[in-house]
Amino acid sequence: MRALLIAGLIGSLAPAAAFAQAPAPAPAPAPAPDAAPAPVAATAYTTADTPLGTLLDDPAAKAILVKYLPEVMQNDQITQARPLTLKALQQYAPTVFTDKALTDIDIDLARLPKK
């Protein structure tokens, strides 16, 4: 039942958002072999691991979602997707939850102060 509700939510957004997508940028160059990986705090939010509900409950994280996914955030049914991650929602609406959008969201989420 949840999948049907989510599919309906996302399906209503997909046609309008499909025209607003820009072409994907070229992949970033690989870091130099001697470069140390950037440290990532265990409390950082990500589109792959953080449930949507957690992001919606944090005003700073929610503002990022509104910035990149305004149509989704304005939909009253978005709360039904709270247990899912944005990456999981991508399977229902790949033209809305594009790889670029998720990457941009991840970049902004990584800039939030750690809790």
PDB file of N, CA and C in Angstrom:
ATOM      1  N   MET A   1       0.832  -1.193   0.000  1.00  0.00           N
ATOM      2  CA  MET A   1       0.000   0.000   0.000  1.00  0.00           C
ATOM      3  C   MET A   1       0.870   1.247   0.000  1.00  0.00           C
ATOM      4  N   ARG A   2       1.918   1.252   0.843  1.00  0.00           N
ATOM      5  CA  ARG A   2       2.818   2.397   0.906  1.00  0.00           C
ATOM      6  C   ARG A   2       3.461   2.649  -0.455  1.00  0.00           C
ATOM      7  N   ALA A   3       3.851   1.563  -1.135  1.00  0.00           N
ATOM      8  CA  ALA A   3       4.486   1.718  -2.447  1.00  0.00           C
ATOM      9  C   ALA A   3       3.527   2.381  -3.426  1.00  0.00           C
ATOM     10  N   LEU A   4       2.253   2.033  -3.367  1.00  0.00           N
ATOM     11  CA  LEU A   4       1.279   2.644  -4.256  1.00  0.00           C
ATOM     12  C   LEU A   4       1.102   4.121  -3.956  1.00  0.00           C
ATOM     13  N   LEU A   5       1.054   4.471  -2.679  1.00  0.00           N
ATOM     14  CA  LEU A   5       0.919   5.874  -2.306  1.00  0.00           C
ATOM     15  C   LEU A   5       2.137   6.669  -2.734  1.00  0.00           C
ATOM     16  N   ILE A   6       3.308   6.104  -2.528  1.00  0.00           N
ATOM     17  CA  ILE A   6       4.535   6.786  -2.916  1.00  0.00           C
ATOM     18  C   ILE A   6       4.616   6.905  -4.421  1.00  0.00           C
ATOM     19  N   ALA A   7       4.257   5.838  -5.124  1.00  0.00           N
ATOM     20  CA  ALA A   7       4.272   5.888  -6.585  1.00  0.00           C
ATOM     21  C   ALA A   7       3.305   6.954  -7.083  1.00  0.00           C
ATOM     22  N   GLY A   8       2.151   7.087  -6.463  1.00  0.00           N
ATOM     23  CA  GLY A   8       1.195   8.123  -6.846  1.00  0.00           C
ATOM     24  C   GLY A   8       1.735   9.514  -6.576  1.00  0.00           C
ATOM     25  N   LEU A   9       2.366   9.678  -5.441  1.00  0.00           N
ATOM     26  CA  LEU A   9       2.981  10.959  -5.083  1.00  0.00           C
ATOM     27  C   LEU A   9       4.037  11.331  -6.104  1.00  0.00           C
ATOM     28  N   ILE A  10       4.934  10.416  -6.362  1.00  0.00           N
ATOM     29  CA  ILE A  10       6.036  10.680  -7.265  1.00  0.00           C
ATOM     30  C   ILE A  10       5.543  10.787  -8.701  1.00  0.00           C
ATOM     31  N   GLY A  11       4.592   9.964  -9.075  1.00  0.00           N
ATOM     32  CA  GLY A  11       4.064   9.997 -10.429  1.00  0.00           C
ATOM     33  C   GLY A  11       3.443  11.339 -10.771  1.00  0.00           C
ATOM     34  N   SER A  12       2.837  11.982  -9.800  1.00  0.00           N
ATOM     35  CA  SER A  12       2.234  13.288 -10.066  1.00  0.00           C
ATOM     36  C   SER A  12       3.283  14.367 -10.259  1.00  0.00           C
ATOM     37  N   LEU A  13       4.498  14.116  -9.816  1.00  0.00           N
ATOM     38  CA  LEU A  13       5.568  15.097  -9.944  1.00  0.00           C
ATOM     39  C   LEU A  13       6.430  14.874 -11.169  1.00  0.00           C
ATOM     40  N   ALA A  14       6.544  13.650 -11.620  1.00  0.00           N
ATOM     41  CA  ALA A  14       7.499  13.304 -12.673  1.00  0.00           C
ATOM     42  C   ALA A  14       7.307  14.075 -13.970  1.00  0.00           C
ATOM     43  N   PRO A  15       6.102  14.247 -14.526  1.00  0.00           N
ATOM     44  CA  PRO A  15       5.998  14.927 -15.813  1.00  0.00           C
ATOM     45  C   PRO A  15       6.526  16.360 -15.782  1.00  0.00           C
ATOM     46  N   ALA A  16       6.211  17.128 -14.758  1.00  0.00           N
ATOM     47  CA  ALA A  16       6.662  18.513 -14.697  1.00  0.00           C
ATOM     48  C   ALA A  16       8.155  18.591 -14.478  1.00  0.00           C
ATOM     49  N   ALA A  17       8.686  17.724 -13.656  1.00  0.00           N
ATOM     50  CA  ALA A  17      10.102  17.788 -13.336  1.00  0.00           C
ATOM     51  C   ALA A  17      10.972  17.252 -14.459  1.00  0.00           C
ATOM     52  N   ALA A  18      10.422  16.414 -15.331  1.00  0.00           N
ATOM     53  CA  ALA A  18      11.218  15.817 -16.398  1.00  0.00           C
ATOM     54  C   ALA A  18      11.786  16.871 -17.325  1.00  0.00           C
ATOM     55  N   PHE A  19      11.082  17.977 -17.506  1.00  0.00           N
ATOM     56  CA  PHE A  19      11.549  19.017 -18.405  1.00  0.00           C
ATOM     57  C   PHE A  19      12.540  19.959 -17.737  1.00  0.00           C
ATOM     58  N   ALA A  20      12.653  19.925 -16.441  1.00  0.00           N
ATOM     59  CA  ALA A  20      13.511  20.859 -15.716  1.00  0.00           C
ATOM     60  C   ALA A  20      14.905  20.317 -15.470  1.00  0.00           C
ATOM     61  N   GLN A  21      15.201  19.113 -15.901  1.00  0.00           N
ATOM     62  CA  GLN A  21      16.491  18.501 -15.614  1.00  0.00           C
ATOM     63  C   GLN A  21      17.555  18.964 -16.596  1.00  0.00           C
ATOM     64  N   ALA A  22      18.722  19.284 -16.062  1.00  0.00           N
ATOM     65  CA  ALA A  22      19.863  19.663 -16.890  1.00  0.00           C
ATOM     66  C   ALA A  22      20.678  18.409 -17.191  1.00  0.00           C
ATOM     67  N   PRO A  23      21.485  18.440 -18.259  1.00  0.00           N
ATOM     68  CA  PRO A  23      22.322  17.273 -18.545  1.00  0.00           C
ATOM     69  C   PRO A  23      23.304  17.027 -17.404  1.00  0.00           C
ATOM     70  N   ALA A  24      23.638  15.774 -17.218  1.00  0.00           N
ATOM     71  CA  ALA A  24      24.550  15.401 -16.135  1.00  0.00           C
ATOM     72  C   ALA A  24      25.946  15.933 -16.430  1.00  0.00           C
ATOM     73  N   PRO A  25      26.638  16.471 -15.409  1.00  0.00           N
ATOM     74  CA  PRO A  25      27.983  16.974 -15.615  1.00  0.00           C
ATOM     75  C   PRO A  25      28.970  15.818 -15.742  1.00  0.00           C
ATOM     76  N   ALA A  26      30.144  16.140 -16.248  1.00  0.00           N
ATOM     77  CA  ALA A  26      31.199  15.134 -16.352  1.00  0.00           C
ATOM     78  C   ALA A  26      31.601  14.697 -14.948  1.00  0.00           C
ATOM     79  N   PRO A  27      32.010  13.446 -14.784  1.00  0.00           N
ATOM     80  CA  PRO A  27      32.407  12.988 -13.457  1.00  0.00           C
ATOM     81  C   PRO A  27      33.620  13.759 -12.954  1.00  0.00           C
ATOM     82  N   ALA A  28      33.702  13.920 -11.653  1.00  0.00           N
ATOM     83  CA  ALA A  28      34.821  14.621 -11.040  1.00  0.00           C
ATOM     84  C   ALA A  28      36.086  13.787 -11.190  1.00  0.00           C
ATOM     85  N   PRO A  29      37.217  14.440 -11.340  1.00  0.00           N
ATOM     86  CA  PRO A  29      38.465  13.686 -11.459  1.00  0.00           C
ATOM     87  C   PRO A  29      38.775  12.942 -10.162  1.00  0.00           C
ATOM     88  N   ALA A  30      39.453  11.843 -10.292  1.00  0.00           N
ATOM     89  CA  ALA A  30      39.819  11.038  -9.123  1.00  0.00           C
ATOM     90  C   ALA A  30      40.870  11.789  -8.312  1.00  0.00           C
ATOM     91  N   PRO A  31      40.853  11.647  -6.983  1.00  0.00           N
ATOM     92  CA  PRO A  31      41.852  12.333  -6.160  1.00  0.00           C
ATOM     93  C   PRO A  31      43.243  11.752  -6.416  1.00  0.00           C
ATOM     94  N   ALA A  32      44.239  12.563  -6.140  1.00  0.00           N
ATOM     95  CA  ALA A  32      45.623  12.112  -6.292  1.00  0.00           C
ATOM     96  C   ALA A  32      45.867  10.931  -5.368  1.00  0.00           C
ATOM     97  N   PRO A  33      46.715   9.977  -5.779  1.00  0.00           N
ATOM     98  CA  PRO A  33      46.934   8.781  -4.964  1.00  0.00           C
ATOM     99  C   PRO A  33      47.419   9.080  -3.551  1.00  0.00           C
ATOM    100  N   ASP A  34      48.153  10.181  -3.363  1.00  0.00           N
ATOM    101  CA  ASP A  34      48.676  10.471  -2.040  1.00  0.00           C
ATOM    102  C   ASP A  34      47.729  11.334  -1.205  1.00  0.00           C
ATOM    103  N   ALA A  35      46.578  11.708  -1.771  1.00  0.00           N
ATOM    104  CA  ALA A  35      45.625  12.531  -1.038  1.00  0.00           C
ATOM    105  C   ALA A  35      44.856  11.678  -0.035  1.00  0.00           C
ATOM    106  N   ALA A  36      44.765  12.182   1.174  1.00  0.00           N
ATOM    107  CA  ALA A  36      44.020  11.474   2.213  1.00  0.00           C
ATOM    108  C   ALA A  36      42.537  11.725   2.010  1.00  0.00           C
ATOM    109  N   PRO A  37      41.683  10.723   2.219  1.00  0.00           N
ATOM    110  CA  PRO A  37      40.241  10.938   2.072  1.00  0.00           C
ATOM    111  C   PRO A  37      39.743  11.917   3.127  1.00  0.00           C
ATOM    112  N   ALA A  38      38.753  12.684   2.753  1.00  0.00           N
ATOM    113  CA  ALA A  38      38.175  13.641   3.690  1.00  0.00           C
ATOM    114  C   ALA A  38      37.454  12.883   4.793  1.00  0.00           C
ATOM    115  N   PRO A  39      37.627  13.290   6.040  1.00  0.00           N
ATOM    116  CA  PRO A  39      36.932  12.607   7.132  1.00  0.00           C
ATOM    117  C   PRO A  39      35.431  12.882   7.062  1.00  0.00           C
ATOM    118  N   VAL A  40      34.655  11.873   7.340  1.00  0.00           N
ATOM    119  CA  VAL A  40      33.203  11.999   7.340  1.00  0.00           C
ATOM    120  C   VAL A  40      32.705  11.620   8.729  1.00  0.00           C
ATOM    121  N   ALA A  41      31.947  12.520   9.321  1.00  0.00           N
ATOM    122  CA  ALA A  41      31.403  12.252  10.647  1.00  0.00           C
ATOM    123  C   ALA A  41      30.289  11.221  10.552  1.00  0.00           C
ATOM    124  N   ALA A  42      30.167  10.409  11.561  1.00  0.00           N
ATOM    125  CA  ALA A  42      29.145   9.367  11.571  1.00  0.00           C
ATOM    126  C   ALA A  42      27.738   9.959  11.606  1.00  0.00           C
ATOM    127  N   THR A  43      27.620  11.205  12.034  1.00  0.00           N
ATOM    128  CA  THR A  43      26.297  11.810  12.142  1.00  0.00           C
ATOM    129  C   THR A  43      25.903  12.598  10.905  1.00  0.00           C
ATOM    130  N   ALA A  44      26.718  12.567   9.855  1.00  0.00           N
ATOM    131  CA  ALA A  44      26.381  13.308   8.636  1.00  0.00           C
ATOM    132  C   ALA A  44      25.187  12.664   7.943  1.00  0.00           C
ATOM    133  N   TYR A  45      24.325  13.498   7.399  1.00  0.00           N
ATOM    134  CA  TYR A  45      23.187  13.011   6.636  1.00  0.00           C
ATOM    135  C   TYR A  45      23.632  12.669   5.218  1.00  0.00           C
ATOM    136  N   THR A  46      22.996  11.660   4.629  1.00  0.00           N
ATOM    137  CA  THR A  46      23.220  11.326   3.220  1.00  0.00           C
ATOM    138  C   THR A  46      21.898  10.927   2.594  1.00  0.00           C
ATOM    139  N   THR A  47      21.827  11.054   1.286  1.00  0.00           N
ATOM    140  CA  THR A  47      20.604  10.668   0.576  1.00  0.00           C
ATOM    141  C   THR A  47      20.450   9.156   0.508  1.00  0.00           C
ATOM    142  N   ALA A  48      21.550   8.440   0.688  1.00  0.00           N
ATOM    143  CA  ALA A  48      21.498   6.979   0.611  1.00  0.00           C
ATOM    144  C   ALA A  48      21.162   6.326   1.948  1.00  0.00           C
ATOM    145  N   ASP A  49      21.511   6.982   3.051  1.00  0.00           N
ATOM    146  CA  ASP A  49      21.375   6.324   4.355  1.00  0.00           C
ATOM    147  C   ASP A  49      20.403   6.984   5.328  1.00  0.00           C
ATOM    148  N   THR A  50      20.065   8.238   5.122  1.00  0.00           N
ATOM    149  CA  THR A  50      19.224   8.958   6.077  1.00  0.00           C
ATOM    150  C   THR A  50      17.770   8.919   5.634  1.00  0.00           C
ATOM    151  N   PRO A  51      16.877   8.447   6.491  1.00  0.00           N
ATOM    152  CA  PRO A  51      15.456   8.440   6.130  1.00  0.00           C
ATOM    153  C   PRO A  51      14.947   9.863   5.876  1.00  0.00           C
ATOM    154  N   LEU A  52      14.018   9.979   4.956  1.00  0.00           N
ATOM    155  CA  LEU A  52      13.435  11.269   4.622  1.00  0.00           C
ATOM    156  C   LEU A  52      12.869  11.949   5.864  1.00  0.00           C
ATOM    157  N   GLY A  53      12.248  11.190   6.745  1.00  0.00           N
ATOM    158  CA  GLY A  53      11.669  11.770   7.959  1.00  0.00           C
ATOM    159  C   GLY A  53      12.701  12.482   8.816  1.00  0.00           C
ATOM    160  N   THR A  54      13.892  11.928   8.920  1.00  0.00           N
ATOM    161  CA  THR A  54      14.965  12.563   9.687  1.00  0.00           C
ATOM    162  C   THR A  54      15.355  13.885   9.039  1.00  0.00           C
ATOM    163  N   LEU A  55      15.438  13.900   7.708  1.00  0.00           N
ATOM    164  CA  LEU A  55      15.781  15.134   6.991  1.00  0.00           C
ATOM    165  C   LEU A  55      14.673  16.182   7.153  1.00  0.00           C
ATOM    166  N   LEU A  56      13.429  15.743   7.109  1.00  0.00           N
ATOM    167  CA  LEU A  56      12.316  16.680   7.259  1.00  0.00           C
ATOM    168  C   LEU A  56      12.241  17.266   8.660  1.00  0.00           C
ATOM    169  N   ASP A  57      12.695  16.516   9.648  1.00  0.00           N
ATOM    170  CA  ASP A  57      12.645  16.977  11.038  1.00  0.00           C
ATOM    171  C   ASP A  57      13.753  17.973  11.379  1.00  0.00           C
ATOM    172  N   ASP A  58      14.776  18.065  10.543  1.00  0.00           N
ATOM    173  CA  ASP A  58      15.869  19.006  10.759  1.00  0.00           C
ATOM    174  C   ASP A  58      15.629  20.204   9.831  1.00  0.00           C
ATOM    175  N   PRO A  59      15.355  21.390  10.385  1.00  0.00           N
ATOM    176  CA  PRO A  59      15.035  22.545   9.535  1.00  0.00           C
ATOM    177  C   PRO A  59      16.110  22.867   8.491  1.00  0.00           C
ATOM    178  N   ALA A  60      17.372  22.722   8.828  1.00  0.00           N
ATOM    179  CA  ALA A  60      18.445  23.022   7.873  1.00  0.00           C
ATOM    180  C   ALA A  60      18.457  21.992   6.737  1.00  0.00           C
ATOM    181  N   ALA A  61      18.274  20.727   7.074  1.00  0.00           N
ATOM    182  CA  ALA A  61      18.242  19.682   6.054  1.00  0.00           C
ATOM    183  C   ALA A  61      16.988  19.832   5.189  1.00  0.00           C
ATOM    184  N   LYS A  62      15.870  20.160   5.804  1.00  0.00           N
ATOM    185  CA  LYS A  62      14.628  20.347   5.047  1.00  0.00           C
ATOM    186  C   LYS A  62      14.784  21.500   4.058  1.00  0.00           C
ATOM    187  N   ALA A  63      15.466  22.559   4.447  1.00  0.00           N
ATOM    188  CA  ALA A  63      15.688  23.694   3.547  1.00  0.00           C
ATOM    189  C   ALA A  63      16.471  23.260   2.307  1.00  0.00           C
ATOM    190  N   ILE A  64      17.399  22.347   2.481  1.00  0.00           N
ATOM    191  CA  ILE A  64      18.168  21.826   1.347  1.00  0.00           C
ATOM    192  C   ILE A  64      17.243  21.043   0.412  1.00  0.00           C
ATOM    193  N   LEU A  65      16.363  20.243   0.981  1.00  0.00           N
ATOM    194  CA  LEU A  65      15.423  19.479   0.156  1.00  0.00           C
ATOM    195  C   LEU A  65      14.494  20.405  -0.615  1.00  0.00           C
ATOM    196  N   VAL A  66      14.038  21.459   0.035  1.00  0.00           N
ATOM    197  CA  VAL A  66      13.162  22.428  -0.631  1.00  0.00           C
ATOM    198  C   VAL A  66      13.915  23.110  -1.773  1.00  0.00           C
ATOM    199  N   LYS A  67      15.193  23.363  -1.568  1.00  0.00           N
ATOM    200  CA  LYS A  67      16.025  24.015  -2.593  1.00  0.00           C
ATOM    201  C   LYS A  67      16.111  23.167  -3.863  1.00  0.00           C
ATOM    202  N   TYR A  68      16.331  21.865  -3.711  1.00  0.00           N
ATOM    203  CA  TYR A  68      16.545  20.985  -4.866  1.00  0.00           C
ATOM    204  C   TYR A  68      15.296  20.246  -5.334  1.00  0.00           C
ATOM    205  N   LEU A  69      14.338  20.039  -4.449  1.00  0.00           N
ATOM    206  CA  LEU A  69      13.132  19.276  -4.789  1.00  0.00           C
ATOM    207  C   LEU A  69      11.874  20.025  -4.351  1.00  0.00           C
ATOM    208  N   PRO A  70      11.674  21.253  -4.808  1.00  0.00           N
ATOM    209  CA  PRO A  70      10.547  22.036  -4.292  1.00  0.00           C
ATOM    210  C   PRO A  70       9.184  21.408  -4.557  1.00  0.00           C
ATOM    211  N   GLU A  71       9.010  20.773  -5.719  1.00  0.00           N
ATOM    212  CA  GLU A  71       7.711  20.172  -6.029  1.00  0.00           C
ATOM    213  C   GLU A  71       7.397  19.023  -5.077  1.00  0.00           C
ATOM    214  N   VAL A  72       8.413  18.254  -4.750  1.00  0.00           N
ATOM    215  CA  VAL A  72       8.232  17.119  -3.843  1.00  0.00           C
ATOM    216  C   VAL A  72       7.893  17.614  -2.441  1.00  0.00           C
ATOM    217  N   MET A  73       8.603  18.620  -1.984  1.00  0.00           N
ATOM    218  CA  MET A  73       8.405  19.113  -0.624  1.00  0.00           C
ATOM    219  C   MET A  73       7.063  19.815  -0.449  1.00  0.00           C
ATOM    220  N   GLN A  74       6.473  20.307  -1.535  1.00  0.00           N
ATOM    221  CA  GLN A  74       5.170  20.968  -1.454  1.00  0.00           C
ATOM    222  C   GLN A  74       4.007  19.985  -1.492  1.00  0.00           C
ATOM    223  N   ASN A  75       4.273  18.743  -1.827  1.00  0.00           N
ATOM    224  CA  ASN A  75       3.224  17.743  -1.930  1.00  0.00           C
ATOM    225  C   ASN A  75       2.830  17.256  -0.533  1.00  0.00           C
ATOM    226  N   ASP A  76       1.550  17.285  -0.237  1.00  0.00           N
ATOM    227  CA  ASP A  76       1.049  16.879   1.082  1.00  0.00           C
ATOM    228  C   ASP A  76       1.342  15.419   1.414  1.00  0.00           C
ATOM    229  N   GLN A  77       1.521  14.585   0.405  1.00  0.00           N
ATOM    230  CA  GLN A  77       1.721  13.161   0.635  1.00  0.00           C
ATOM    231  C   GLN A  77       3.178  12.795   0.939  1.00  0.00           C
ATOM    232  N   ILE A  78       4.070  13.762   0.958  1.00  0.00           N
ATOM    233  CA  ILE A  78       5.484  13.466   1.169  1.00  0.00           C
ATOM    234  C   ILE A  78       5.721  12.789   2.524  1.00  0.00           C
ATOM    235  N   THR A  79       4.897  13.079   3.494  1.00  0.00           N
ATOM    236  CA  THR A  79       5.097  12.472   4.815  1.00  0.00           C
ATOM    237  C   THR A  79       4.918  10.958   4.790  1.00  0.00           C
ATOM    238  N   GLN A  80       4.228  10.434   3.789  1.00  0.00           N
ATOM    239  CA  GLN A  80       4.065   8.990   3.686  1.00  0.00           C
ATOM    240  C   GLN A  80       5.366   8.291   3.311  1.00  0.00           C
ATOM    241  N   ALA A  81       6.328   9.050   2.800  1.00  0.00           N
ATOM    242  CA  ALA A  81       7.618   8.483   2.399  1.00  0.00           C
ATOM    243  C   ALA A  81       8.685   8.660   3.477  1.00  0.00           C
ATOM    244  N   ARG A  82       8.306   9.091   4.668  1.00  0.00           N
ATOM    245  CA  ARG A  82       9.265   9.376   5.747  1.00  0.00           C
ATOM    246  C   ARG A  82      10.234   8.228   6.045  1.00  0.00           C
ATOM    247  N   PRO A  83       9.827   6.965   6.012  1.00  0.00           N
ATOM    248  CA  PRO A  83      10.778   5.898   6.350  1.00  0.00           C
ATOM    249  C   PRO A  83      11.796   5.610   5.240  1.00  0.00           C
ATOM    250  N   LEU A  84      11.560   6.125   4.043  1.00  0.00           N
ATOM    251  CA  LEU A  84      12.438   5.818   2.909  1.00  0.00           C
ATOM    252  C   LEU A  84      13.546   6.857   2.768  1.00  0.00           C
ATOM    253  N   THR A  85      14.639   6.453   2.146  1.00  0.00           N
ATOM    254  CA  THR A  85      15.706   7.398   1.819  1.00  0.00           C
ATOM    255  C   THR A  85      15.400   8.011   0.452  1.00  0.00           C
ATOM    256  N   LEU A  86      16.071   9.118   0.153  1.00  0.00           N
ATOM    257  CA  LEU A  86      15.897   9.723  -1.165  1.00  0.00           C
ATOM    258  C   LEU A  86      16.402   8.783  -2.251  1.00  0.00           C
ATOM    259  N   LYS A  87      17.472   8.061  -1.949  1.00  0.00           N
ATOM    260  CA  LYS A  87      18.004   7.090  -2.914  1.00  0.00           C
ATOM    261  C   LYS A  87      16.961   6.005  -3.197  1.00  0.00           C
ATOM    262  N   ALA A  88      16.244   5.564  -2.184  1.00  0.00           N
ATOM    263  CA  ALA A  88      15.195   4.560  -2.388  1.00  0.00           C
ATOM    264  C   ALA A  88      14.041   5.134  -3.205  1.00  0.00           C
ATOM    265  N   LEU A  89      13.732   6.412  -3.004  1.00  0.00           N
ATOM    266  CA  LEU A  89      12.657   7.045  -3.760  1.00  0.00           C
ATOM    267  C   LEU A  89      13.021   7.212  -5.234  1.00  0.00           C
ATOM    268  N   GLN A  90      14.302   7.202  -5.528  1.00  0.00           N
ATOM    269  CA  GLN A  90      14.754   7.372  -6.907  1.00  0.00           C
ATOM    270  C   GLN A  90      14.176   6.310  -7.837  1.00  0.00           C
ATOM    271  N   GLN A  91      13.967   5.103  -7.341  1.00  0.00           N
ATOM    272  CA  GLN A  91      13.427   4.040  -8.195  1.00  0.00           C
ATOM    273  C   GLN A  91      12.002   4.345  -8.651  1.00  0.00           C
ATOM    274  N   TYR A  92      11.258   5.137  -7.896  1.00  0.00           N
ATOM    275  CA  TYR A  92       9.888   5.473  -8.247  1.00  0.00           C
ATOM    276  C   TYR A  92       9.807   6.668  -9.206  1.00  0.00           C
ATOM    277  N   ALA A  93      10.803   7.553  -9.145  1.00  0.00           N
ATOM    278  CA  ALA A  93      10.784   8.752  -9.992  1.00  0.00           C
ATOM    279  C   ALA A  93      12.222   9.159 -10.334  1.00  0.00           C
ATOM    280  N   PRO A  94      12.856   8.418 -11.232  1.00  0.00           N
ATOM    281  CA  PRO A  94      14.249   8.732 -11.564  1.00  0.00           C
ATOM    282  C   PRO A  94      14.432  10.085 -12.240  1.00  0.00           C
ATOM    283  N   THR A  95      13.378  10.632 -12.846  1.00  0.00           N
ATOM    284  CA  THR A  95      13.511  11.950 -13.462  1.00  0.00           C
ATOM    285  C   THR A  95      13.377  13.083 -12.449  1.00  0.00           C
ATOM    286  N   VAL A  96      12.875  12.772 -11.267  1.00  0.00           N
ATOM    287  CA  VAL A  96      12.774  13.759 -10.186  1.00  0.00           C
ATOM    288  C   VAL A  96      13.986  13.624  -9.273  1.00  0.00           C
ATOM    289  N   PHE A  97      14.241  12.406  -8.817  1.00  0.00           N
ATOM    290  CA  PHE A  97      15.363  12.129  -7.917  1.00  0.00           C
ATOM    291  C   PHE A  97      16.565  11.683  -8.761  1.00  0.00           C
ATOM    292  N   THR A  98      17.088  12.612  -9.545  1.00  0.00           N
ATOM    293  CA  THR A  98      18.197  12.292 -10.444  1.00  0.00           C
ATOM    294  C   THR A  98      19.492  12.109  -9.663  1.00  0.00           C
ATOM    295  N   ASP A  99      20.455  11.450 -10.289  1.00  0.00           N
ATOM    296  CA  ASP A  99      21.764  11.302  -9.652  1.00  0.00           C
ATOM    297  C   ASP A  99      22.358  12.669  -9.329  1.00  0.00           C
ATOM    298  N   LYS A 100      22.198  13.632 -10.238  1.00  0.00           N
ATOM    299  CA  LYS A 100      22.737  14.975 -10.006  1.00  0.00           C
ATOM    300  C   LYS A 100      22.064  15.628  -8.807  1.00  0.00           C
ATOM    301  N   ALA A 101      20.742  15.542  -8.732  1.00  0.00           N
ATOM    302  CA  ALA A 101      20.026  16.145  -7.602  1.00  0.00           C
ATOM    303  C   ALA A 101      20.478  15.515  -6.289  1.00  0.00           C
ATOM    304  N   LEU A 102      20.595  14.193  -6.258  1.00  0.00           N
ATOM    305  CA  LEU A 102      21.020  13.525  -5.026  1.00  0.00           C
ATOM    306  C   LEU A 102      22.456  13.896  -4.663  1.00  0.00           C
ATOM    307  N   THR A 103      23.311  14.017  -5.656  1.00  0.00           N
ATOM    308  CA  THR A 103      24.700  14.424  -5.397  1.00  0.00           C
ATOM    309  C   THR A 103      24.742  15.844  -4.851  1.00  0.00           C
ATOM    310  N   ASP A 104      23.991  16.742  -5.460  1.00  0.00           N
ATOM    311  CA  ASP A 104      23.954  18.128  -4.981  1.00  0.00           C
ATOM    312  C   ASP A 104      23.402  18.206  -3.558  1.00  0.00           C
ATOM    313  N   ILE A 105      22.389  17.429  -3.274  1.00  0.00           N
ATOM    314  CA  ILE A 105      21.830  17.393  -1.919  1.00  0.00           C
ATOM    315  C   ILE A 105      22.869  16.859  -0.942  1.00  0.00           C
ATOM    316  N   ASP A 106      23.563  15.791  -1.322  1.00  0.00           N
ATOM    317  CA  ASP A 106      24.601  15.231  -0.449  1.00  0.00           C
ATOM    318  C   ASP A 106      25.697  16.260  -0.153  1.00  0.00           C
ATOM    319  N   ILE A 107      26.085  17.029  -1.161  1.00  0.00           N
ATOM    320  CA  ILE A 107      27.122  18.048  -0.962  1.00  0.00           C
ATOM    321  C   ILE A 107      26.653  19.081   0.060  1.00  0.00           C
ATOM    322  N   ASP A 108      25.429  19.553  -0.090  1.00  0.00           N
ATOM    323  CA  ASP A 108      24.909  20.545   0.856  1.00  0.00           C
ATOM    324  C   ASP A 108      24.690  19.943   2.242  1.00  0.00           C
ATOM    325  N   LEU A 109      24.229  18.699   2.303  1.00  0.00           N
ATOM    326  CA  LEU A 109      24.045  18.055   3.609  1.00  0.00           C
ATOM    327  C   LEU A 109      25.387  17.900   4.333  1.00  0.00           C
ATOM    328  N   ALA A 110      26.440  17.621   3.593  1.00  0.00           N
ATOM    329  CA  ALA A 110      27.766  17.460   4.206  1.00  0.00           C
ATOM    330  C   ALA A 110      28.272  18.764   4.806  1.00  0.00           C
ATOM    331  N   ARG A 111      27.762  19.882   4.345  1.00  0.00           N
ATOM    332  CA  ARG A 111      28.184  21.196   4.859  1.00  0.00           C
ATOM    333  C   ARG A 111      27.466  21.593   6.138  1.00  0.00           C
ATOM    334  N   LEU A 112      26.413  20.863   6.493  1.00  0.00           N
ATOM    335  CA  LEU A 112      25.678  21.188   7.720  1.00  0.00           C
ATOM    336  C   LEU A 112      26.554  20.916   8.924  1.00  0.00           C
ATOM    337  N   PRO A 113      26.406  21.715   9.974  1.00  0.00           N
ATOM    338  CA  PRO A 113      27.154  21.430  11.213  1.00  0.00           C
ATOM    339  C   PRO A 113      26.776  20.061  11.757  1.00  0.00           C
ATOM    340  N   LYS A 114      27.756  19.346  12.238  1.00  0.00           N
ATOM    341  CA  LYS A 114      27.533  17.992  12.788  1.00  0.00           C
ATOM    342  C   LYS A 114      26.826  18.130  14.134  1.00  0.00           C
ATOM    343  N   LYS A 115      25.955  17.195  14.405  1.00  0.00           N
ATOM    344  CA  LYS A 115      25.187  17.220  15.660  1.00  0.00           C
ATOM    345  C   LYS A 115      25.736  16.238  16.651  1.00  0.00           C
TER     346      LYS A 115
END
